[in-house]
Amino acid sequence: MMNTMSYQGYTARIEFDPRDNILIGHVLGLADRISFHGENVSELTADFHNAVDHYLADCKKTGRAPDKPASGRMMLRVRPEVHAAATIAARASGKSLNQWAEEILGQAAHV
């Protein structure tokens, strides 16, 4: 089970720090580093929301576009046999390879 939380399209991985006895979160998929913490889930959630809101406000104030976790474009390199089998599976389901891959990846990522 993955320990994550999401807010405004940003997803963070949550870990427990036994040394300080706190929960720590790190937003995933960004060049900028966004971290937050809390002693319980309520504090962690509030700090996560505040961190993302602060990041977005800072980007707006400085006139830069905020990083997004993903553009929606993905290039994959797979073995030719996998490519062929995926193409056949997509066609058999009446979908394009792109539509089929998006569905399968979404299922695997629990989206």
Protein backbone atom coordinates (compact mmCIF):
# COMPACT_ATOMS: atom_id res chain seq x y z
CA MET A 1 0.00 0.00 0.00
CA MET A 2 1.36 3.38 -1.00
CA ASN A 3 1.05 6.22 1.50
CA THR A 4 0.08 9.22 -0.60
CA MET A 5 -2.27 12.18 -0.51
CA SER A 6 -3.44 14.53 -3.26
CA TYR A 7 -4.46 18.18 -3.41
CA GLN A 8 -5.08 20.44 -6.43
CA GLY A 9 -3.53 17.91 -8.79
CA TYR A 10 -0.37 17.46 -6.72
CA THR A 11 0.44 14.13 -5.06
CA ALA A 12 2.72 13.68 -2.07
CA ARG A 13 4.41 10.62 -0.58
CA ILE A 14 4.00 10.36 3.19
CA GLU A 15 6.60 8.87 5.55
CA PHE A 16 6.92 8.56 9.30
CA ASP A 17 10.02 10.02 10.95
CA PRO A 18 10.53 7.99 14.14
CA ARG A 19 13.35 10.24 15.32
CA ASP A 20 11.12 13.33 15.51
CA ASN A 21 7.85 11.36 15.85
CA ILE A 22 6.19 13.23 12.97
CA LEU A 23 4.70 12.54 9.56
CA ILE A 24 6.59 14.07 6.65
CA GLY A 25 5.36 14.59 3.11
CA HIS A 26 7.15 15.34 -0.15
CA VAL A 27 5.30 16.42 -3.31
CA LEU A 28 6.19 14.09 -6.18
CA GLY A 29 7.05 14.81 -9.80
CA LEU A 30 8.24 18.42 -9.52
CA ALA A 31 11.59 20.11 -10.13
CA ASP A 32 10.76 22.39 -7.19
CA ARG A 33 10.92 20.75 -3.78
CA ILE A 34 7.78 20.99 -1.64
CA SER A 35 7.89 19.34 1.79
CA PHE A 36 5.55 19.53 4.77
CA HIS A 37 4.95 17.80 8.09
CA GLY A 38 2.52 17.26 10.94
CA GLU A 39 2.19 15.38 14.21
CA ASN A 40 -1.09 13.80 13.05
CA VAL A 41 -3.08 13.36 9.84
CA SER A 42 -5.09 16.56 10.35
CA GLU A 43 -1.95 18.66 10.83
CA LEU A 44 -0.24 16.92 7.92
CA THR A 45 -3.20 17.56 5.60
CA ALA A 46 -3.44 21.22 6.61
CA ASP A 47 0.30 21.75 6.13
CA PHE A 48 0.16 19.98 2.74
CA HIS A 49 -2.64 22.28 1.58
CA ASN A 50 -0.79 25.33 2.90
CA ALA A 51 2.46 24.28 1.20
CA VAL A 52 0.80 23.78 -2.19
CA ASP A 53 -1.23 27.01 -1.86
CA HIS A 54 1.95 28.91 -0.90
CA TYR A 55 3.83 27.41 -3.85
CA LEU A 56 1.09 28.40 -6.30
CA ALA A 57 0.81 31.91 -4.83
CA ASP A 58 4.60 32.36 -4.98
CA CYS A 59 4.64 31.25 -8.62
CA LYS A 60 1.88 33.74 -9.44
CA LYS A 61 3.63 36.55 -7.55
CA THR A 62 6.94 35.94 -9.32
CA GLY A 63 5.31 35.46 -12.74
CA ARG A 64 6.48 31.91 -13.31
CA ALA A 65 4.38 28.94 -14.31
CA PRO A 66 4.07 26.34 -11.56
CA ASP A 67 5.51 22.91 -12.27
CA LYS A 68 2.92 20.29 -13.03
CA PRO A 69 3.52 16.67 -12.09
CA ALA A 70 2.97 15.53 -15.69
CA SER A 71 2.30 17.02 -19.10
CA GLY A 72 0.07 14.22 -20.33
CA ARG A 73 2.67 13.13 -22.88
CA MET A 74 4.61 9.94 -22.36
CA MET A 75 7.12 8.15 -24.53
CA LEU A 76 7.77 4.51 -23.74
CA ARG A 77 10.33 2.10 -25.09
CA VAL A 78 9.20 -1.52 -24.95
CA ARG A 79 10.24 -4.76 -26.58
CA PRO A 80 8.73 -5.24 -30.07
CA GLU A 81 6.77 -8.28 -28.83
CA VAL A 82 5.14 -6.17 -26.10
CA HIS A 83 4.33 -3.42 -28.61
CA ALA A 84 2.76 -5.94 -31.00
CA ALA A 85 0.74 -7.64 -28.26
CA ALA A 86 -0.47 -4.29 -26.92
CA THR A 87 -1.51 -3.17 -30.40
CA ILE A 88 -3.49 -6.39 -30.90
CA ALA A 89 -5.12 -6.07 -27.47
CA ALA A 90 -6.06 -2.46 -28.19
CA ARG A 91 -7.57 -3.30 -31.59
CA ALA A 92 -9.42 -6.28 -30.12
CA SER A 93 -11.03 -3.96 -27.57
CA GLY A 94 -11.98 -1.44 -30.27
CA LYS A 95 -9.56 1.21 -29.03
CA SER A 96 -6.49 2.97 -30.30
CA LEU A 97 -3.21 1.95 -28.69
CA ASN A 98 -3.14 5.32 -26.91
CA GLN A 99 -6.67 4.90 -25.50
CA TRP A 100 -5.95 1.33 -24.44
CA ALA A 101 -2.60 2.23 -22.82
CA GLU A 102 -4.18 5.14 -20.92
CA GLU A 103 -6.89 2.82 -19.58
CA ILE A 104 -4.42 0.10 -18.56
CA LEU A 105 -1.98 2.55 -16.97
CA GLY A 106 -4.86 4.22 -15.12
CA GLN A 107 -6.00 0.86 -13.75
CA ALA A 108 -2.46 -0.06 -12.69
CA ALA A 109 -1.95 3.32 -11.00
CA HIS A 110 -5.41 3.16 -9.36
CA VAL A 111 -6.58 6.39 -11.02
